[in-house]
């Protein structure tokens, strides 16, 4: 639960930062380069924070968590970049799929389904939730509670107090 809370804190912080630069949803849909710039800012934020001496993003700091290698040591900036890239690519794929699903529903490609609000809501929000949860599903199923990006970079997220 702490890890999810840390994610929410980071998303809110990034949303606030990106809104300062006018990275609004309407602008992102009109100008795909804005989405790329937002992804780069997000990448730099996570990569620099988790690769730093703090070993954590602001959300993880607030929740008392750190990112370390499998031996409990601080991760390198290369490892942080790798971990963050996998996280961003996965999230980017989820966002694209969610956008595609919403476009299919909005523009009536499934016109028989789009007339039924319950089914439309289930497709839109049910699939969106499933795709977003896929980001963190491995946390529930792995011994060391590692997400996909942790497995790819050979890292773990743990309580700061656990650091030896």
N, C-alpha and C. Protein backbone atom coordinates (compact mmCIF):
# COMPACT_ATOMS: atom_id res chain seq x y z
N UNK A 1 0.81 -1.20 0.00
CA UNK A 1 0.00 0.00 0.00
C UNK A 1 0.86 1.27 0.00
N UNK A 2 2.02 1.20 0.69
CA UNK A 2 2.91 2.35 0.71
C UNK A 2 3.42 2.66 -0.69
N UNK A 3 3.69 1.62 -1.45
CA UNK A 3 4.23 1.81 -2.79
C UNK A 3 3.18 2.46 -3.70
N UNK A 4 1.94 2.04 -3.59
CA UNK A 4 0.86 2.63 -4.36
C UNK A 4 0.67 4.09 -3.96
N UNK A 5 0.72 4.36 -2.67
CA UNK A 5 0.59 5.73 -2.17
C UNK A 5 1.73 6.61 -2.70
N UNK A 6 2.94 6.06 -2.72
CA UNK A 6 4.09 6.80 -3.26
C UNK A 6 3.88 7.11 -4.73
N UNK A 7 3.33 6.16 -5.48
CA UNK A 7 3.04 6.35 -6.90
C UNK A 7 2.03 7.49 -7.09
N UNK A 8 0.99 7.49 -6.27
CA UNK A 8 -0.03 8.54 -6.35
C UNK A 8 0.57 9.91 -6.04
N UNK A 9 1.41 10.00 -5.03
CA UNK A 9 2.08 11.26 -4.68
C UNK A 9 2.92 11.74 -5.87
N UNK A 10 3.68 10.83 -6.48
CA UNK A 10 4.52 11.20 -7.62
C UNK A 10 3.70 11.63 -8.83
N UNK A 11 2.60 10.93 -9.08
CA UNK A 11 1.73 11.31 -10.21
C UNK A 11 1.15 12.70 -9.98
N UNK A 12 0.70 12.98 -8.75
CA UNK A 12 0.16 14.32 -8.44
C UNK A 12 1.23 15.40 -8.58
N UNK A 13 2.42 15.10 -8.09
CA UNK A 13 3.53 16.06 -8.21
C UNK A 13 3.88 16.32 -9.67
N UNK A 14 3.99 15.24 -10.45
CA UNK A 14 4.31 15.41 -11.87
C UNK A 14 3.19 16.14 -12.61
N UNK A 15 1.95 15.86 -12.26
CA UNK A 15 0.82 16.56 -12.89
C UNK A 15 0.90 18.06 -12.60
N UNK A 16 1.25 18.40 -11.37
CA UNK A 16 1.39 19.82 -11.00
C UNK A 16 2.54 20.47 -11.77
N UNK A 17 3.66 19.76 -11.85
CA UNK A 17 4.82 20.29 -12.58
C UNK A 17 4.49 20.46 -14.06
N UNK A 18 3.89 19.43 -14.65
CA UNK A 18 3.58 19.49 -16.08
C UNK A 18 2.52 20.54 -16.38
N UNK A 19 1.59 20.78 -15.45
CA UNK A 19 0.58 21.81 -15.70
C UNK A 19 1.20 23.20 -15.73
N UNK A 20 2.32 23.39 -15.04
CA UNK A 20 3.02 24.67 -15.09
C UNK A 20 3.53 24.96 -16.50
N UNK A 21 3.82 23.89 -17.24
CA UNK A 21 4.32 24.03 -18.60
C UNK A 21 3.23 23.81 -19.63
N UNK A 22 1.97 23.88 -19.19
CA UNK A 22 0.81 23.75 -20.08
C UNK A 22 0.75 22.39 -20.76
N UNK A 23 1.08 21.34 -20.02
CA UNK A 23 0.94 19.99 -20.54
C UNK A 23 -0.45 19.46 -20.19
N UNK A 24 -1.47 20.18 -20.66
CA UNK A 24 -2.83 19.77 -20.38
C UNK A 24 -3.25 18.66 -21.34
N UNK A 25 -4.30 17.96 -20.98
CA UNK A 25 -4.79 16.85 -21.81
C UNK A 25 -5.16 17.36 -23.20
N UNK A 26 -5.84 18.50 -23.29
CA UNK A 26 -6.25 19.01 -24.60
C UNK A 26 -5.04 19.33 -25.47
N UNK A 27 -4.00 19.85 -24.86
CA UNK A 27 -2.78 20.16 -25.61
C UNK A 27 -2.05 18.89 -26.04
N UNK A 28 -2.03 17.91 -25.16
CA UNK A 28 -1.34 16.65 -25.48
C UNK A 28 -2.02 15.95 -26.65
N UNK A 29 -3.35 15.98 -26.68
CA UNK A 29 -4.04 15.31 -27.78
C UNK A 29 -3.87 16.05 -29.10
N UNK A 30 -3.70 17.35 -29.05
CA UNK A 30 -3.48 18.12 -30.27
C UNK A 30 -2.03 18.03 -30.75
N UNK A 31 -1.09 17.98 -29.82
CA UNK A 31 0.32 18.01 -30.16
C UNK A 31 1.05 16.82 -29.52
N UNK A 32 1.22 15.72 -30.26
CA UNK A 32 1.88 14.53 -29.69
C UNK A 32 3.28 14.81 -29.14
N UNK A 33 3.95 15.84 -29.66
CA UNK A 33 5.29 16.16 -29.15
C UNK A 33 5.21 16.58 -27.68
N UNK A 34 4.06 17.14 -27.28
CA UNK A 34 3.85 17.51 -25.88
C UNK A 34 3.86 16.27 -25.00
N UNK A 35 3.26 15.19 -25.48
CA UNK A 35 3.26 13.93 -24.73
C UNK A 35 4.68 13.42 -24.56
N UNK A 36 5.47 13.52 -25.63
CA UNK A 36 6.87 13.10 -25.57
C UNK A 36 7.66 13.96 -24.58
N UNK A 37 7.43 15.26 -24.60
CA UNK A 37 8.13 16.15 -23.67
C UNK A 37 7.72 15.84 -22.23
N UNK A 38 6.45 15.57 -22.01
CA UNK A 38 5.98 15.20 -20.68
C UNK A 38 6.60 13.90 -20.21
N UNK A 39 6.74 12.94 -21.12
CA UNK A 39 7.39 11.67 -20.79
C UNK A 39 8.86 11.89 -20.43
N UNK A 40 9.52 12.78 -21.14
CA UNK A 40 10.93 13.07 -20.86
C UNK A 40 11.10 13.74 -19.49
N UNK A 41 10.22 14.68 -19.17
CA UNK A 41 10.29 15.34 -17.87
C UNK A 41 10.04 14.31 -16.76
N UNK A 42 9.06 13.45 -16.96
CA UNK A 42 8.77 12.39 -15.98
C UNK A 42 9.96 11.46 -15.83
N UNK A 43 10.56 11.09 -16.97
CA UNK A 43 11.73 10.20 -16.94
C UNK A 43 12.86 10.84 -16.13
N UNK A 44 13.16 12.10 -16.42
CA UNK A 44 14.25 12.79 -15.71
C UNK A 44 13.98 12.89 -14.22
N UNK A 45 12.74 13.20 -13.86
CA UNK A 45 12.38 13.31 -12.44
C UNK A 45 12.64 11.99 -11.71
N UNK A 46 12.09 10.90 -12.24
CA UNK A 46 12.23 9.60 -11.58
C UNK A 46 13.68 9.12 -11.60
N UNK A 47 14.30 9.20 -12.76
CA UNK A 47 15.67 8.74 -12.95
C UNK A 47 16.65 9.46 -12.03
N UNK A 48 16.55 10.77 -11.96
CA UNK A 48 17.48 11.55 -11.13
C UNK A 48 17.22 11.35 -9.64
N UNK A 49 15.96 11.31 -9.25
CA UNK A 49 15.65 11.14 -7.82
C UNK A 49 16.04 9.75 -7.32
N UNK A 50 15.69 8.71 -8.05
CA UNK A 50 15.96 7.35 -7.58
C UNK A 50 17.42 6.95 -7.73
N UNK A 51 18.15 7.63 -8.61
CA UNK A 51 19.58 7.37 -8.76
C UNK A 51 20.43 8.22 -7.83
N UNK A 52 19.80 9.15 -7.14
CA UNK A 52 20.53 10.06 -6.24
C UNK A 52 20.83 9.40 -4.89
N UNK A 53 21.47 10.15 -4.02
CA UNK A 53 21.74 9.65 -2.66
C UNK A 53 20.47 9.35 -1.89
N UNK A 54 19.40 10.05 -2.22
CA UNK A 54 18.11 9.82 -1.55
C UNK A 54 17.54 8.44 -1.90
N UNK A 55 17.87 7.92 -3.08
CA UNK A 55 17.42 6.62 -3.57
C UNK A 55 15.90 6.53 -3.70
N UNK A 56 15.24 7.67 -3.86
CA UNK A 56 13.79 7.66 -3.88
C UNK A 56 13.23 8.90 -4.53
N UNK A 57 12.06 8.75 -5.13
CA UNK A 57 11.31 9.90 -5.62
C UNK A 57 10.67 10.57 -4.41
N UNK A 58 10.05 11.71 -4.62
CA UNK A 58 9.41 12.42 -3.51
C UNK A 58 8.33 11.53 -2.87
N UNK A 59 7.56 10.83 -3.69
CA UNK A 59 6.53 9.93 -3.16
C UNK A 59 7.12 8.84 -2.28
N UNK A 60 8.21 8.26 -2.71
CA UNK A 60 8.86 7.22 -1.91
C UNK A 60 9.47 7.81 -0.63
N UNK A 61 10.02 9.01 -0.71
CA UNK A 61 10.57 9.67 0.48
C UNK A 61 9.45 9.87 1.51
N UNK A 62 8.32 10.39 1.05
CA UNK A 62 7.18 10.63 1.94
C UNK A 62 6.71 9.32 2.60
N UNK A 63 6.75 8.23 1.84
CA UNK A 63 6.27 6.94 2.36
C UNK A 63 7.37 6.13 3.05
N UNK A 64 8.59 6.66 3.11
CA UNK A 64 9.68 5.98 3.80
C UNK A 64 10.24 4.79 3.04
N UNK A 65 10.24 4.88 1.70
CA UNK A 65 10.74 3.80 0.86
C UNK A 65 11.99 4.24 0.11
N UNK A 66 12.82 3.27 -0.28
CA UNK A 66 13.98 3.53 -1.13
C UNK A 66 14.08 2.46 -2.20
N UNK A 67 14.82 2.78 -3.25
CA UNK A 67 15.12 1.82 -4.31
C UNK A 67 16.57 1.40 -4.13
N UNK A 68 16.82 0.10 -4.14
CA UNK A 68 18.19 -0.39 -4.01
C UNK A 68 18.41 -1.57 -4.94
N UNK A 69 19.67 -1.97 -5.07
CA UNK A 69 19.93 -3.19 -5.83
C UNK A 69 19.58 -4.39 -4.95
N UNK A 70 19.79 -5.58 -5.44
CA UNK A 70 19.40 -6.79 -4.71
C UNK A 70 20.22 -7.00 -3.43
N UNK A 71 21.33 -6.28 -3.30
CA UNK A 71 22.19 -6.39 -2.12
C UNK A 71 21.98 -5.24 -1.14
N UNK A 72 20.99 -4.41 -1.41
CA UNK A 72 20.69 -3.30 -0.51
C UNK A 72 21.52 -2.05 -0.76
N UNK A 73 22.32 -2.05 -1.83
CA UNK A 73 23.18 -0.91 -2.15
C UNK A 73 22.45 0.09 -3.05
N UNK A 74 22.91 1.32 -3.02
CA UNK A 74 22.37 2.36 -3.88
C UNK A 74 22.54 1.94 -5.34
N UNK A 75 21.53 2.23 -6.16
CA UNK A 75 21.64 1.87 -7.58
C UNK A 75 22.41 2.95 -8.33
N UNK A 76 23.04 2.54 -9.41
CA UNK A 76 23.78 3.50 -10.25
C UNK A 76 22.79 4.28 -11.11
N UNK A 77 23.27 5.36 -11.71
CA UNK A 77 22.42 6.12 -12.61
C UNK A 77 22.06 5.31 -13.85
N UNK A 78 22.94 4.42 -14.28
CA UNK A 78 22.65 3.55 -15.43
C UNK A 78 21.49 2.62 -15.07
N UNK A 79 21.56 2.02 -13.89
CA UNK A 79 20.47 1.13 -13.44
C UNK A 79 19.18 1.92 -13.26
N UNK A 80 19.28 3.12 -12.71
CA UNK A 80 18.11 3.97 -12.53
C UNK A 80 17.49 4.32 -13.89
N UNK A 81 18.33 4.63 -14.87
CA UNK A 81 17.83 4.95 -16.21
C UNK A 81 17.12 3.74 -16.82
N UNK A 82 17.72 2.56 -16.66
CA UNK A 82 17.13 1.33 -17.19
C UNK A 82 15.77 1.07 -16.53
N UNK A 83 15.74 1.14 -15.21
CA UNK A 83 14.51 0.91 -14.45
C UNK A 83 13.42 1.90 -14.85
N UNK A 84 13.79 3.16 -14.95
CA UNK A 84 12.83 4.21 -15.29
C UNK A 84 12.33 4.07 -16.73
N UNK A 85 13.23 3.72 -17.65
CA UNK A 85 12.83 3.54 -19.05
C UNK A 85 11.79 2.43 -19.19
N UNK A 86 12.01 1.32 -18.50
CA UNK A 86 11.04 0.21 -18.56
C UNK A 86 9.70 0.67 -17.99
N UNK A 87 9.73 1.40 -16.87
CA UNK A 87 8.49 1.90 -16.25
C UNK A 87 7.75 2.85 -17.19
N UNK A 88 8.47 3.79 -17.78
CA UNK A 88 7.85 4.79 -18.67
C UNK A 88 7.29 4.12 -19.93
N UNK A 89 8.05 3.20 -20.53
CA UNK A 89 7.57 2.51 -21.74
C UNK A 89 6.31 1.72 -21.43
N UNK A 90 6.30 1.01 -20.31
CA UNK A 90 5.12 0.25 -19.92
C UNK A 90 3.93 1.18 -19.72
N UNK A 91 4.14 2.25 -18.99
CA UNK A 91 3.07 3.22 -18.74
C UNK A 91 2.60 3.87 -20.04
N UNK A 92 3.54 4.19 -20.92
CA UNK A 92 3.21 4.78 -22.22
C UNK A 92 2.34 3.83 -23.04
N UNK A 93 2.67 2.55 -23.03
CA UNK A 93 1.86 1.55 -23.75
C UNK A 93 0.46 1.47 -23.17
N UNK A 94 0.35 1.53 -21.86
CA UNK A 94 -0.97 1.52 -21.21
C UNK A 94 -1.76 2.75 -21.64
N UNK A 95 -1.13 3.92 -21.64
CA UNK A 95 -1.81 5.15 -22.03
C UNK A 95 -2.29 5.07 -23.48
N UNK A 96 -1.46 4.55 -24.37
CA UNK A 96 -1.86 4.41 -25.78
C UNK A 96 -3.04 3.46 -25.91
N UNK A 97 -3.00 2.33 -25.22
CA UNK A 97 -4.11 1.37 -25.28
C UNK A 97 -5.39 1.97 -24.72
N UNK A 98 -5.28 2.69 -23.61
CA UNK A 98 -6.45 3.34 -23.03
C UNK A 98 -7.02 4.37 -24.01
N UNK A 99 -6.15 5.15 -24.62
CA UNK A 99 -6.59 6.12 -25.62
C UNK A 99 -7.29 5.46 -26.80
N UNK A 100 -6.76 4.33 -27.23
CA UNK A 100 -7.36 3.60 -28.35
C UNK A 100 -8.73 3.07 -27.96
N UNK A 101 -8.84 2.51 -26.76
CA UNK A 101 -10.13 1.98 -26.29
C UNK A 101 -11.15 3.11 -26.21
N UNK A 102 -10.75 4.26 -25.66
CA UNK A 102 -11.67 5.40 -25.57
C UNK A 102 -12.08 5.90 -26.94
N UNK A 103 -11.15 5.91 -27.90
CA UNK A 103 -11.48 6.35 -29.26
C UNK A 103 -12.46 5.39 -29.92
N UNK A 104 -12.25 4.10 -29.71
CA UNK A 104 -13.16 3.09 -30.27
C UNK A 104 -14.56 3.31 -29.73
N UNK A 105 -14.67 3.56 -28.43
CA UNK A 105 -15.98 3.77 -27.81
C UNK A 105 -16.58 5.11 -28.24
N UNK A 106 -15.78 6.17 -28.18
CA UNK A 106 -16.27 7.53 -28.46
C UNK A 106 -16.76 7.68 -29.89
N UNK A 107 -16.03 7.12 -30.83
CA UNK A 107 -16.37 7.33 -32.23
C UNK A 107 -17.23 6.22 -32.81
N UNK A 108 -17.75 5.34 -31.92
CA UNK A 108 -18.77 4.40 -32.33
C UNK A 108 -18.31 3.22 -33.15
N UNK A 109 -17.05 2.86 -33.08
CA UNK A 109 -16.60 1.69 -33.82
C UNK A 109 -17.25 0.43 -33.28
N UNK A 110 -17.70 0.51 -32.04
CA UNK A 110 -18.49 -0.57 -31.46
C UNK A 110 -19.84 0.06 -31.14
N UNK A 111 -20.59 0.42 -32.18
CA UNK A 111 -21.80 1.21 -31.99
C UNK A 111 -22.85 0.49 -31.16
N UNK A 112 -23.00 -0.81 -31.32
CA UNK A 112 -23.99 -1.54 -30.53
C UNK A 112 -23.64 -1.50 -29.06
N UNK A 113 -22.36 -1.59 -28.75
CA UNK A 113 -21.92 -1.57 -27.36
C UNK A 113 -21.99 -0.15 -26.79
N UNK A 114 -21.63 0.84 -27.61
CA UNK A 114 -21.55 2.21 -27.09
C UNK A 114 -22.92 2.76 -26.70
N UNK A 115 -24.02 2.12 -27.13
CA UNK A 115 -25.36 2.58 -26.73
C UNK A 115 -25.66 2.18 -25.29
N UNK A 116 -25.06 1.13 -24.81
CA UNK A 116 -25.29 0.66 -23.44
C UNK A 116 -24.23 1.27 -22.53
N UNK A 117 -24.63 2.23 -21.69
CA UNK A 117 -23.67 2.95 -20.86
C UNK A 117 -22.95 2.04 -19.88
N UNK A 118 -23.64 1.03 -19.34
CA UNK A 118 -22.99 0.12 -18.40
C UNK A 118 -21.86 -0.63 -19.08
N UNK A 119 -22.13 -1.16 -20.26
CA UNK A 119 -21.11 -1.92 -20.98
C UNK A 119 -19.98 -1.00 -21.41
N UNK A 120 -20.33 0.20 -21.88
CA UNK A 120 -19.31 1.17 -22.28
C UNK A 120 -18.42 1.53 -21.10
N UNK A 121 -19.02 1.80 -19.94
CA UNK A 121 -18.25 2.12 -18.74
C UNK A 121 -17.37 0.97 -18.31
N UNK A 122 -17.91 -0.25 -18.40
CA UNK A 122 -17.12 -1.43 -18.04
C UNK A 122 -15.92 -1.56 -18.96
N UNK A 123 -16.14 -1.40 -20.25
CA UNK A 123 -15.03 -1.53 -21.20
C UNK A 123 -14.00 -0.43 -20.94
N UNK A 124 -14.49 0.81 -20.83
CA UNK A 124 -13.58 1.94 -20.67
C UNK A 124 -12.80 1.87 -19.36
N UNK A 125 -13.49 1.71 -18.26
CA UNK A 125 -12.83 1.79 -16.96
C UNK A 125 -12.32 0.43 -16.48
N UNK A 126 -13.00 -0.62 -16.84
CA UNK A 126 -12.54 -1.96 -16.46
C UNK A 126 -11.23 -2.31 -17.14
N UNK A 127 -11.18 -2.10 -18.44
CA UNK A 127 -9.95 -2.40 -19.18
C UNK A 127 -8.84 -1.43 -18.78
N UNK A 128 -9.20 -0.17 -18.60
CA UNK A 128 -8.20 0.81 -18.15
C UNK A 128 -7.60 0.39 -16.81
N UNK A 129 -8.44 0.01 -15.88
CA UNK A 129 -7.96 -0.45 -14.58
C UNK A 129 -7.09 -1.69 -14.69
N UNK A 130 -7.50 -2.62 -15.54
CA UNK A 130 -6.72 -3.84 -15.73
C UNK A 130 -5.35 -3.53 -16.32
N UNK A 131 -5.32 -2.63 -17.30
CA UNK A 131 -4.04 -2.28 -17.91
C UNK A 131 -3.13 -1.55 -16.93
N UNK A 132 -3.70 -0.63 -16.17
CA UNK A 132 -2.88 0.08 -15.18
C UNK A 132 -2.39 -0.86 -14.08
N UNK A 133 -3.24 -1.78 -13.67
CA UNK A 133 -2.81 -2.71 -12.62
C UNK A 133 -1.73 -3.67 -13.14
N UNK A 134 -1.67 -3.87 -14.45
CA UNK A 134 -0.63 -4.73 -15.01
C UNK A 134 0.77 -4.16 -14.73
N UNK A 135 0.83 -2.86 -14.53
CA UNK A 135 2.10 -2.23 -14.18
C UNK A 135 2.66 -2.80 -12.89
N UNK A 136 1.77 -3.10 -11.97
CA UNK A 136 2.19 -3.48 -10.63
C UNK A 136 1.75 -4.89 -10.22
N UNK A 137 1.17 -5.64 -11.15
CA UNK A 137 0.69 -6.98 -10.83
C UNK A 137 1.79 -7.88 -10.30
N UNK A 138 2.97 -7.76 -10.85
CA UNK A 138 4.07 -8.63 -10.40
C UNK A 138 4.46 -8.35 -8.95
N UNK A 139 4.13 -7.18 -8.43
CA UNK A 139 4.41 -6.86 -7.02
C UNK A 139 3.70 -7.87 -6.11
N UNK A 140 2.52 -8.27 -6.51
CA UNK A 140 1.74 -9.19 -5.69
C UNK A 140 2.18 -10.64 -5.86
N UNK A 141 2.88 -10.93 -6.94
CA UNK A 141 3.19 -12.33 -7.25
C UNK A 141 4.66 -12.71 -7.11
N UNK A 142 5.53 -11.75 -6.88
CA UNK A 142 6.95 -12.10 -6.74
C UNK A 142 7.36 -12.12 -5.27
N UNK A 143 8.34 -12.93 -4.98
CA UNK A 143 8.81 -13.13 -3.61
C UNK A 143 9.27 -11.81 -2.96
N UNK A 144 9.98 -11.00 -3.73
CA UNK A 144 10.52 -9.74 -3.19
C UNK A 144 9.66 -8.53 -3.54
N UNK A 145 8.43 -8.79 -3.97
CA UNK A 145 7.47 -7.73 -4.29
C UNK A 145 8.02 -6.75 -5.34
N UNK A 146 8.56 -7.31 -6.42
CA UNK A 146 9.14 -6.49 -7.48
C UNK A 146 8.15 -6.24 -8.60
N UNK A 147 8.09 -5.01 -9.07
CA UNK A 147 7.31 -4.68 -10.26
C UNK A 147 8.12 -5.07 -11.49
N UNK A 148 7.48 -4.99 -12.65
CA UNK A 148 8.14 -5.37 -13.90
C UNK A 148 9.45 -4.60 -14.08
N UNK A 149 9.44 -3.29 -13.80
CA UNK A 149 10.64 -2.48 -13.97
C UNK A 149 11.73 -2.86 -12.96
N UNK A 150 11.34 -3.33 -11.78
CA UNK A 150 12.32 -3.81 -10.80
C UNK A 150 12.96 -5.11 -11.29
N UNK A 151 12.14 -5.99 -11.83
CA UNK A 151 12.67 -7.26 -12.35
C UNK A 151 13.64 -7.01 -13.49
N UNK A 152 13.29 -6.08 -14.37
CA UNK A 152 14.14 -5.77 -15.53
C UNK A 152 15.48 -5.17 -15.11
N UNK A 153 15.47 -4.35 -14.05
CA UNK A 153 16.70 -3.66 -13.62
C UNK A 153 17.37 -4.35 -12.43
N UNK A 154 16.78 -5.45 -11.96
CA UNK A 154 17.34 -6.19 -10.83
C UNK A 154 17.43 -5.31 -9.58
N UNK A 155 16.32 -4.64 -9.28
CA UNK A 155 16.24 -3.74 -8.12
C UNK A 155 15.08 -4.14 -7.22
N UNK A 156 15.06 -3.57 -6.02
CA UNK A 156 13.94 -3.75 -5.10
C UNK A 156 13.57 -2.41 -4.47
N UNK A 157 12.33 -2.31 -4.05
CA UNK A 157 11.87 -1.15 -3.28
C UNK A 157 11.61 -1.67 -1.88
N UNK A 158 12.18 -1.00 -0.89
CA UNK A 158 12.04 -1.46 0.49
C UNK A 158 11.93 -0.28 1.43
N UNK A 159 11.58 -0.60 2.66
CA UNK A 159 11.49 0.43 3.70
C UNK A 159 12.88 1.01 3.95
N UNK A 160 12.95 2.29 4.15
CA UNK A 160 14.25 2.93 4.41
C UNK A 160 14.90 2.37 5.67
N UNK A 161 14.11 2.05 6.65
CA UNK A 161 14.63 1.51 7.91
C UNK A 161 15.29 0.14 7.72
N UNK A 162 14.92 -0.58 6.64
CA UNK A 162 15.50 -1.90 6.36
C UNK A 162 16.93 -1.80 5.86
N UNK A 163 17.36 -0.58 5.50
CA UNK A 163 18.69 -0.41 4.93
C UNK A 163 19.75 -0.67 6.00
N UNK A 164 20.67 -1.56 5.66
CA UNK A 164 21.74 -1.91 6.63
C UNK A 164 22.96 -1.06 6.44
